[in-house]
Amino acid sequence: MVMEQVRSHKIYELPLHELRHLTPDIIWKDPPTISSEFSPIEVCRIVGDWYVAHSSDTRRHNAGQFFTPPIVARYMANVAGILDNHARILDPGAGVGILACAICEAALVYKVPFLSIVAYESDPVLYVLCSFTLNYARDLLHEQGIELSIELHRQDF
C-alpha cells in the first residue's frame, strides 16, 4: 500500500480591517483567496496585483512604487548566489515583499536551516501587505524545517 503525504490546505485572509482603517478613501473589495498551495512569489504577485487594482496610479506614482515582476525577483535571488546558513538579507524598499520571498524560495532549494530578513517599507498599506506575505513565507519555510526571522520596519530605509 502506497501512502501519499497530503499537505493540508490552509486559507490565508488579507487583513482588510487594517487596510480599511489605514485608507478609508479606498474601497478594498474582492480580496484574493490565498491558499497554502501557492509559492511565496505567487502570493506576492497576487497581493501586488490586487493592490494595484485598488489603488490609483497617482498614489503609486507619488510614492515611487514599482512592483518587481516575479521573473526579475527570481533572477535577483539567483544572482545573490548560494545562501549560507544564517544568511541575513536586507530589502530596503520591500513593497509587498517579492524580493524577500524570492530569497525564501532560494532558501527552500538550498535547504538553509535559518534565514534572516530585514525589510523596510514606509507606505503603511504596503507595510501591512508585506507583513502578510512574509508571514506566509515564514509558515511555508517552517513546514520545511527552515526558521525564518523577519524584521519589518515601517520607515524609509
N, C-alpha and C. Protein backbone atom coordinates (compact mmCIF):
# COMPACT_ATOMS: atom_id res chain seq x y z
N MET A 1 0.85 -1.18 0.00
CA MET A 1 0.00 0.00 0.00
C MET A 1 0.89 1.24 0.00
N VAL A 2 0.63 2.14 -0.91
CA VAL A 2 1.38 3.38 -1.01
C VAL A 2 0.58 4.49 -0.35
N MET A 3 1.25 5.20 0.55
CA MET A 3 0.57 6.31 1.22
C MET A 3 1.13 7.61 0.67
N GLU A 4 0.25 8.51 0.33
CA GLU A 4 0.67 9.82 -0.14
C GLU A 4 0.62 10.80 1.01
N GLN A 5 1.63 11.65 1.04
CA GLN A 5 1.62 12.70 2.04
C GLN A 5 0.79 13.85 1.48
N VAL A 6 -0.24 14.22 2.18
CA VAL A 6 -1.12 15.28 1.74
C VAL A 6 -0.89 16.50 2.63
N ARG A 7 -0.52 17.58 2.00
CA ARG A 7 -0.32 18.83 2.73
C ARG A 7 -1.68 19.46 2.94
N SER A 8 -2.00 19.75 4.18
CA SER A 8 -3.29 20.36 4.44
C SER A 8 -3.30 21.77 3.85
N HIS A 9 -4.39 22.10 3.21
CA HIS A 9 -4.51 23.42 2.58
C HIS A 9 -5.13 24.39 3.56
N LYS A 10 -4.40 25.44 3.81
CA LYS A 10 -4.85 26.49 4.71
C LYS A 10 -5.19 27.71 3.85
N ILE A 11 -6.21 28.43 4.24
CA ILE A 11 -6.59 29.65 3.54
C ILE A 11 -6.10 30.83 4.37
N TYR A 12 -5.42 31.76 3.72
CA TYR A 12 -4.91 32.97 4.37
C TYR A 12 -5.78 34.14 3.93
N GLU A 13 -6.20 34.94 4.89
CA GLU A 13 -7.05 36.09 4.58
C GLU A 13 -6.30 37.39 4.80
N LEU A 14 -6.39 38.27 3.81
CA LEU A 14 -5.77 39.58 3.94
C LEU A 14 -6.43 40.36 5.07
N PRO A 15 -5.67 41.16 5.79
CA PRO A 15 -6.22 41.93 6.92
C PRO A 15 -6.98 43.18 6.43
N LEU A 16 -8.17 42.95 5.88
CA LEU A 16 -8.96 44.05 5.30
C LEU A 16 -9.29 45.13 6.32
N HIS A 17 -9.54 44.72 7.57
CA HIS A 17 -9.89 45.72 8.59
C HIS A 17 -8.76 46.73 8.78
N GLU A 18 -7.50 46.24 8.76
CA GLU A 18 -6.36 47.15 8.89
C GLU A 18 -6.25 48.08 7.68
N LEU A 19 -6.44 47.52 6.49
CA LEU A 19 -6.34 48.32 5.27
C LEU A 19 -7.43 49.39 5.23
N ARG A 20 -8.63 49.01 5.62
CA ARG A 20 -9.74 49.98 5.63
C ARG A 20 -9.51 51.08 6.65
N HIS A 21 -8.89 50.73 7.75
CA HIS A 21 -8.58 51.72 8.78
C HIS A 21 -7.51 52.69 8.28
N LEU A 22 -6.51 52.16 7.60
CA LEU A 22 -5.40 52.99 7.12
C LEU A 22 -5.80 53.92 5.97
N THR A 23 -6.67 53.42 5.10
CA THR A 23 -7.05 54.19 3.91
C THR A 23 -8.56 54.12 3.70
N PRO A 24 -9.32 54.89 4.49
CA PRO A 24 -10.77 54.86 4.34
C PRO A 24 -11.25 55.38 2.98
N ASP A 25 -10.38 56.08 2.25
CA ASP A 25 -10.74 56.60 0.93
C ASP A 25 -10.69 55.53 -0.17
N ILE A 26 -10.09 54.38 0.12
CA ILE A 26 -10.02 53.28 -0.85
C ILE A 26 -11.03 52.21 -0.46
N ILE A 27 -11.79 51.76 -1.45
CA ILE A 27 -12.75 50.69 -1.21
C ILE A 27 -12.05 49.36 -1.51
N TRP A 28 -11.67 48.68 -0.45
CA TRP A 28 -10.98 47.39 -0.58
C TRP A 28 -12.04 46.31 -0.72
N LYS A 29 -12.12 45.69 -1.89
CA LYS A 29 -13.13 44.66 -2.11
C LYS A 29 -12.53 43.47 -2.85
N ASP A 30 -13.27 42.41 -2.89
CA ASP A 30 -12.87 41.20 -3.59
C ASP A 30 -11.45 40.75 -3.27
N PRO A 31 -11.16 40.54 -1.98
CA PRO A 31 -9.79 40.11 -1.64
C PRO A 31 -9.49 38.75 -2.28
N PRO A 32 -8.27 38.57 -2.72
CA PRO A 32 -7.92 37.29 -3.35
C PRO A 32 -7.91 36.16 -2.33
N THR A 33 -8.18 34.97 -2.81
CA THR A 33 -8.09 33.78 -1.98
C THR A 33 -6.65 33.28 -2.05
N ILE A 34 -6.02 33.25 -0.90
CA ILE A 34 -4.63 32.80 -0.81
C ILE A 34 -4.63 31.48 -0.06
N SER A 35 -4.19 30.44 -0.74
CA SER A 35 -4.12 29.14 -0.08
C SER A 35 -2.67 28.71 0.03
N SER A 36 -2.44 27.75 0.86
CA SER A 36 -1.09 27.29 1.16
C SER A 36 -0.44 26.56 -0.01
N GLU A 37 -1.15 26.40 -1.10
CA GLU A 37 -0.56 25.72 -2.26
C GLU A 37 0.28 26.65 -3.13
N PHE A 38 0.21 27.96 -2.87
CA PHE A 38 0.96 28.93 -3.67
C PHE A 38 2.39 29.09 -3.16
N SER A 39 3.29 29.44 -4.07
CA SER A 39 4.65 29.78 -3.66
C SER A 39 4.63 31.20 -3.09
N PRO A 40 5.62 31.56 -2.29
CA PRO A 40 5.66 32.93 -1.75
C PRO A 40 5.64 34.00 -2.84
N ILE A 41 6.34 33.76 -3.94
CA ILE A 41 6.34 34.75 -5.03
C ILE A 41 4.95 34.85 -5.67
N GLU A 42 4.27 33.73 -5.82
CA GLU A 42 2.91 33.78 -6.36
C GLU A 42 2.00 34.60 -5.45
N VAL A 43 2.15 34.44 -4.16
CA VAL A 43 1.35 35.21 -3.21
C VAL A 43 1.65 36.70 -3.37
N CYS A 44 2.92 37.05 -3.50
CA CYS A 44 3.28 38.46 -3.70
C CYS A 44 2.68 39.01 -4.98
N ARG A 45 2.72 38.23 -6.05
CA ARG A 45 2.15 38.68 -7.31
C ARG A 45 0.65 38.91 -7.19
N ILE A 46 -0.04 37.98 -6.56
CA ILE A 46 -1.49 38.08 -6.38
C ILE A 46 -1.83 39.30 -5.52
N VAL A 47 -1.13 39.45 -4.41
CA VAL A 47 -1.38 40.57 -3.49
C VAL A 47 -1.02 41.90 -4.17
N GLY A 48 0.10 41.92 -4.88
CA GLY A 48 0.51 43.13 -5.59
C GLY A 48 -0.49 43.54 -6.66
N ASP A 49 -0.96 42.57 -7.44
CA ASP A 49 -1.96 42.86 -8.47
C ASP A 49 -3.25 43.39 -7.86
N TRP A 50 -3.64 42.81 -6.74
CA TRP A 50 -4.86 43.24 -6.04
C TRP A 50 -4.70 44.68 -5.53
N TYR A 51 -3.53 44.97 -4.98
CA TYR A 51 -3.25 46.33 -4.50
C TYR A 51 -3.30 47.32 -5.66
N VAL A 52 -2.67 47.00 -6.78
CA VAL A 52 -2.65 47.89 -7.94
C VAL A 52 -4.07 48.12 -8.45
N ALA A 53 -4.90 47.08 -8.43
CA ALA A 53 -6.29 47.23 -8.90
C ALA A 53 -7.11 48.15 -8.00
N HIS A 54 -6.71 48.30 -6.75
CA HIS A 54 -7.48 49.11 -5.80
C HIS A 54 -6.89 50.48 -5.52
N SER A 55 -5.65 50.69 -5.84
CA SER A 55 -5.01 51.98 -5.58
C SER A 55 -4.87 52.74 -6.89
N SER A 56 -4.78 54.02 -6.79
CA SER A 56 -4.70 54.84 -8.01
C SER A 56 -3.27 54.91 -8.53
N ASP A 57 -3.17 55.16 -9.84
CA ASP A 57 -1.86 55.36 -10.45
C ASP A 57 -1.15 56.54 -9.81
N THR A 58 -1.92 57.59 -9.49
CA THR A 58 -1.35 58.79 -8.88
C THR A 58 -0.75 58.47 -7.51
N ARG A 59 -1.47 57.70 -6.71
CA ARG A 59 -0.97 57.32 -5.37
C ARG A 59 0.35 56.57 -5.49
N ARG A 60 0.37 55.59 -6.40
CA ARG A 60 1.59 54.78 -6.57
C ARG A 60 2.72 55.60 -7.16
N HIS A 61 2.40 56.47 -8.11
CA HIS A 61 3.42 57.32 -8.72
C HIS A 61 4.02 58.28 -7.69
N ASN A 62 3.17 58.93 -6.91
CA ASN A 62 3.66 59.88 -5.90
C ASN A 62 4.51 59.20 -4.84
N ALA A 63 4.23 57.93 -4.58
CA ALA A 63 5.00 57.19 -3.58
C ALA A 63 6.23 56.51 -4.21
N GLY A 64 6.38 56.61 -5.52
CA GLY A 64 7.51 55.96 -6.19
C GLY A 64 7.43 54.45 -6.15
N GLN A 65 6.21 53.93 -6.20
CA GLN A 65 6.04 52.48 -6.08
C GLN A 65 6.13 51.80 -7.44
N PHE A 66 7.00 50.80 -7.49
CA PHE A 66 7.18 49.96 -8.67
C PHE A 66 7.23 48.52 -8.16
N PHE A 67 6.46 47.66 -8.76
CA PHE A 67 6.40 46.29 -8.29
C PHE A 67 7.23 45.38 -9.19
N THR A 68 8.21 44.74 -8.59
CA THR A 68 9.13 43.87 -9.30
C THR A 68 8.38 42.65 -9.84
N PRO A 69 8.52 42.37 -11.13
CA PRO A 69 7.88 41.17 -11.69
C PRO A 69 8.51 39.90 -11.09
N PRO A 70 7.73 38.82 -10.99
CA PRO A 70 8.25 37.57 -10.42
C PRO A 70 9.52 37.06 -11.10
N ILE A 71 9.60 37.14 -12.41
CA ILE A 71 10.79 36.64 -13.11
C ILE A 71 12.04 37.42 -12.72
N VAL A 72 11.88 38.72 -12.51
CA VAL A 72 13.02 39.56 -12.09
C VAL A 72 13.41 39.24 -10.65
N ALA A 73 12.42 39.04 -9.79
CA ALA A 73 12.70 38.71 -8.39
C ALA A 73 13.47 37.39 -8.30
N ARG A 74 13.04 36.40 -9.07
CA ARG A 74 13.75 35.11 -9.05
C ARG A 74 15.16 35.26 -9.61
N TYR A 75 15.31 36.04 -10.66
CA TYR A 75 16.64 36.29 -11.23
C TYR A 75 17.55 36.94 -10.18
N MET A 76 17.05 37.95 -9.49
CA MET A 76 17.86 38.64 -8.49
C MET A 76 18.24 37.71 -7.35
N ALA A 77 17.33 36.82 -6.96
CA ALA A 77 17.67 35.84 -5.91
C ALA A 77 18.76 34.90 -6.39
N ASN A 78 18.72 34.52 -7.65
CA ASN A 78 19.77 33.64 -8.20
C ASN A 78 21.10 34.36 -8.28
N VAL A 79 21.08 35.64 -8.62
CA VAL A 79 22.31 36.42 -8.71
C VAL A 79 22.98 36.53 -7.34
N ALA A 80 22.17 36.48 -6.28
CA ALA A 80 22.71 36.56 -4.92
C ALA A 80 23.62 35.37 -4.62
N GLY A 81 23.48 34.29 -5.34
CA GLY A 81 24.34 33.13 -5.14
C GLY A 81 23.76 32.15 -4.13
N ILE A 82 24.57 31.19 -3.78
CA ILE A 82 24.15 30.15 -2.84
C ILE A 82 24.06 30.77 -1.44
N LEU A 83 22.94 30.52 -0.81
CA LEU A 83 22.73 31.05 0.54
C LEU A 83 23.45 30.18 1.55
N ASP A 84 24.11 30.82 2.49
CA ASP A 84 24.73 30.12 3.60
C ASP A 84 23.76 30.09 4.77
N ASN A 85 24.01 29.16 5.69
CA ASN A 85 23.22 29.12 6.91
C ASN A 85 23.36 30.45 7.65
N HIS A 86 22.30 30.92 8.22
CA HIS A 86 22.24 32.18 8.95
C HIS A 86 22.48 33.39 8.04
N ALA A 87 22.09 33.27 6.78
CA ALA A 87 22.19 34.41 5.87
C ALA A 87 21.26 35.51 6.36
N ARG A 88 21.70 36.73 6.23
CA ARG A 88 20.91 37.89 6.63
C ARG A 88 20.70 38.75 5.39
N ILE A 89 19.46 38.94 5.00
CA ILE A 89 19.11 39.62 3.76
C ILE A 89 18.46 40.96 4.08
N LEU A 90 18.87 42.00 3.36
CA LEU A 90 18.31 43.34 3.51
C LEU A 90 17.45 43.66 2.29
N ASP A 91 16.21 44.08 2.53
CA ASP A 91 15.32 44.54 1.47
C ASP A 91 14.91 45.97 1.83
N PRO A 92 15.59 46.97 1.26
CA PRO A 92 15.39 48.36 1.70
C PRO A 92 14.11 49.03 1.20
N GLY A 93 13.46 48.48 0.22
CA GLY A 93 12.18 49.02 -0.28
C GLY A 93 11.29 47.86 -0.61
N ALA A 94 10.75 47.22 0.41
CA ALA A 94 10.16 45.89 0.29
C ALA A 94 8.88 45.81 -0.55
N GLY A 95 8.09 46.87 -0.59
CA GLY A 95 6.82 46.77 -1.31
C GLY A 95 5.97 45.68 -0.70
N VAL A 96 5.53 44.72 -1.52
CA VAL A 96 4.76 43.59 -0.98
C VAL A 96 5.67 42.43 -0.58
N GLY A 97 6.99 42.60 -0.74
CA GLY A 97 7.93 41.59 -0.26
C GLY A 97 8.40 40.58 -1.28
N ILE A 98 8.26 40.88 -2.56
CA ILE A 98 8.58 39.86 -3.57
C ILE A 98 10.06 39.49 -3.62
N LEU A 99 10.95 40.45 -3.42
CA LEU A 99 12.38 40.10 -3.44
C LEU A 99 12.75 39.23 -2.24
N ALA A 100 12.24 39.59 -1.07
CA ALA A 100 12.49 38.77 0.12
C ALA A 100 11.90 37.37 -0.05
N CYS A 101 10.72 37.30 -0.66
CA CYS A 101 10.09 35.99 -0.88
C CYS A 101 10.86 35.16 -1.90
N ALA A 102 11.49 35.82 -2.87
CA ALA A 102 12.33 35.09 -3.82
C ALA A 102 13.52 34.47 -3.10
N ILE A 103 14.08 35.19 -2.14
CA ILE A 103 15.17 34.64 -1.33
C ILE A 103 14.66 33.47 -0.49
N CYS A 104 13.43 33.59 0.02
CA CYS A 104 12.84 32.48 0.78
C CYS A 104 12.72 31.23 -0.08
N GLU A 105 12.32 31.41 -1.33
CA GLU A 105 12.23 30.27 -2.24
C GLU A 105 13.61 29.67 -2.48
N ALA A 106 14.63 30.52 -2.59
CA ALA A 106 16.00 30.02 -2.75
C ALA A 106 16.43 29.24 -1.51
N ALA A 107 16.03 29.71 -0.34
CA ALA A 107 16.36 29.00 0.91
C ALA A 107 15.76 27.60 0.92
N LEU A 108 14.58 27.45 0.32
CA LEU A 108 13.97 26.12 0.21
C LEU A 108 14.82 25.22 -0.68
N VAL A 109 15.30 25.77 -1.79
CA VAL A 109 16.12 24.99 -2.72
C VAL A 109 17.43 24.57 -2.06
N TYR A 110 18.08 25.51 -1.37
CA TYR A 110 19.37 25.23 -0.75
C TYR A 110 19.26 24.56 0.61
N LYS A 111 18.02 24.41 1.10
CA LYS A 111 17.77 23.78 2.40
C LYS A 111 18.57 24.45 3.52
N VAL A 112 18.53 25.77 3.51
CA VAL A 112 19.20 26.56 4.54
C VAL A 112 18.38 26.45 5.82
N PRO A 113 18.96 26.04 6.94
CA PRO A 113 18.16 25.86 8.16
C PRO A 113 17.68 27.16 8.80
N PHE A 114 18.38 28.27 8.57
CA PHE A 114 17.99 29.53 9.20
C PHE A 114 18.26 30.68 8.24
N LEU A 115 17.29 31.58 8.13
CA LEU A 115 17.40 32.74 7.27
C LEU A 115 16.83 33.94 8.01
N SER A 116 17.48 35.08 7.86
CA SER A 116 17.01 36.31 8.49
C SER A 116 16.78 37.37 7.42
N ILE A 117 15.62 38.00 7.49
CA ILE A 117 15.28 39.06 6.54
C ILE A 117 15.01 40.34 7.32
N VAL A 118 15.68 41.41 6.90
CA VAL A 118 15.43 42.74 7.44
C VAL A 118 14.87 43.55 6.28
N ALA A 119 13.64 44.03 6.43
CA ALA A 119 12.97 44.75 5.35
C ALA A 119 12.43 46.08 5.84
N TYR A 120 12.40 47.03 4.91
CA TYR A 120 11.88 48.37 5.19
C TYR A 120 10.79 48.69 4.18
N GLU A 121 9.68 49.20 4.68
CA GLU A 121 8.61 49.68 3.82
C GLU A 121 7.92 50.83 4.53
N SER A 122 7.98 52.01 3.91
CA SER A 122 7.44 53.21 4.57
C SER A 122 5.95 53.41 4.33
N ASP A 123 5.42 52.88 3.24
CA ASP A 123 3.99 53.04 2.98
C ASP A 123 3.20 52.16 3.93
N PRO A 124 2.25 52.73 4.69
CA PRO A 124 1.53 51.92 5.69
C PRO A 124 0.74 50.75 5.10
N VAL A 125 0.15 50.95 3.93
CA VAL A 125 -0.62 49.86 3.31
C VAL A 125 0.30 48.76 2.84
N LEU A 126 1.38 49.13 2.16
CA LEU A 126 2.32 48.11 1.70
C LEU A 126 3.01 47.42 2.87
N TYR A 127 3.21 48.13 3.96
CA TYR A 127 3.77 47.53 5.17
C TYR A 127 2.88 46.37 5.63
N VAL A 128 1.57 46.61 5.67
CA VAL A 128 0.62 45.57 6.09
C VAL A 128 0.64 44.39 5.11
N LEU A 129 0.66 44.70 3.81
CA LEU A 129 0.67 43.64 2.80
C LEU A 129 1.99 42.87 2.83
N CYS A 130 3.10 43.57 3.04
CA CYS A 130 4.41 42.91 3.14
C CYS A 130 4.46 42.00 4.36
N SER A 131 3.92 42.46 5.45
CA SER A 131 3.86 41.64 6.66
C SER A 131 3.08 40.35 6.38
N PHE A 132 1.98 40.49 5.65
CA PHE A 132 1.16 39.33 5.29
C PHE A 132 1.97 38.33 4.46
N THR A 133 2.65 38.82 3.40
CA THR A 133 3.37 37.90 2.51
C THR A 133 4.58 37.27 3.21
N LEU A 134 5.28 38.05 4.03
CA LEU A 134 6.44 37.49 4.72
C LEU A 134 6.02 36.46 5.77
N ASN A 135 4.89 36.69 6.41
CA ASN A 135 4.40 35.69 7.37
C ASN A 135 3.93 34.43 6.65
N TYR A 136 3.38 34.58 5.46
CA TYR A 136 3.03 33.43 4.64
C TYR A 136 4.30 32.62 4.34
N ALA A 137 5.35 33.34 3.91
CA ALA A 137 6.62 32.67 3.60
C ALA A 137 7.19 31.98 4.84
N ARG A 138 7.08 32.64 6.00
CA ARG A 138 7.60 32.04 7.23
C ARG A 138 6.87 30.73 7.53
N ASP A 139 5.55 30.70 7.36
CA ASP A 139 4.78 29.47 7.58
C ASP A 139 5.26 28.37 6.66
N LEU A 140 5.43 28.69 5.38
CA LEU A 140 5.85 27.70 4.40
C LEU A 140 7.24 27.16 4.73
N LEU A 141 8.17 28.06 5.05
CA LEU A 141 9.53 27.62 5.38
C LEU A 141 9.54 26.78 6.65
N HIS A 142 8.74 27.18 7.63
CA HIS A 142 8.66 26.42 8.88
C HIS A 142 8.22 24.97 8.62
N GLU A 143 7.25 24.80 7.71
CA GLU A 143 6.80 23.45 7.35
C GLU A 143 7.93 22.60 6.77
N GLN A 144 8.91 23.27 6.18
CA GLN A 144 10.04 22.58 5.56
C GLN A 144 11.26 22.53 6.46
N GLY A 145 11.09 22.93 7.73
CA GLY A 145 12.18 22.86 8.69
C GLY A 145 13.15 24.02 8.63
N ILE A 146 12.74 25.12 8.03
CA ILE A 146 13.60 26.29 7.92
C ILE A 146 13.04 27.39 8.81
N GLU A 147 13.91 27.95 9.65
CA GLU A 147 13.48 29.04 10.52
C GLU A 147 13.73 30.37 9.81
N LEU A 148 12.69 31.18 9.73
CA LEU A 148 12.80 32.50 9.11
C LEU A 148 12.56 33.57 10.16
N SER A 149 13.56 34.41 10.34
CA SER A 149 13.44 35.56 11.24
C SER A 149 13.14 36.78 10.38
N ILE A 150 12.12 37.54 10.77
CA ILE A 150 11.71 38.71 10.00
C ILE A 150 11.76 39.95 10.88
N GLU A 151 12.46 40.97 10.39
CA GLU A 151 12.41 42.31 10.98
C GLU A 151 11.84 43.21 9.91
N LEU A 152 10.61 43.66 10.08
CA LEU A 152 9.98 44.54 9.10
C LEU A 152 9.79 45.90 9.75
N HIS A 153 10.42 46.90 9.17
CA HIS A 153 10.38 48.25 9.71
C HIS A 153 9.46 49.13 8.87
N ARG A 154 8.58 49.88 9.55
CA ARG A 154 7.67 50.78 8.86
C ARG A 154 8.30 52.18 8.83
N GLN A 155 9.32 52.29 8.00
CA GLN A 155 10.01 53.55 7.82
C GLN A 155 10.82 53.48 6.55
N ASP A 156 11.28 54.63 6.10
CA ASP A 156 12.12 54.70 4.91
C ASP A 156 13.52 54.23 5.28
N PHE A 157 14.11 53.44 4.42
CA PHE A 157 15.45 52.94 4.67
C PHE A 157 16.44 54.08 4.65
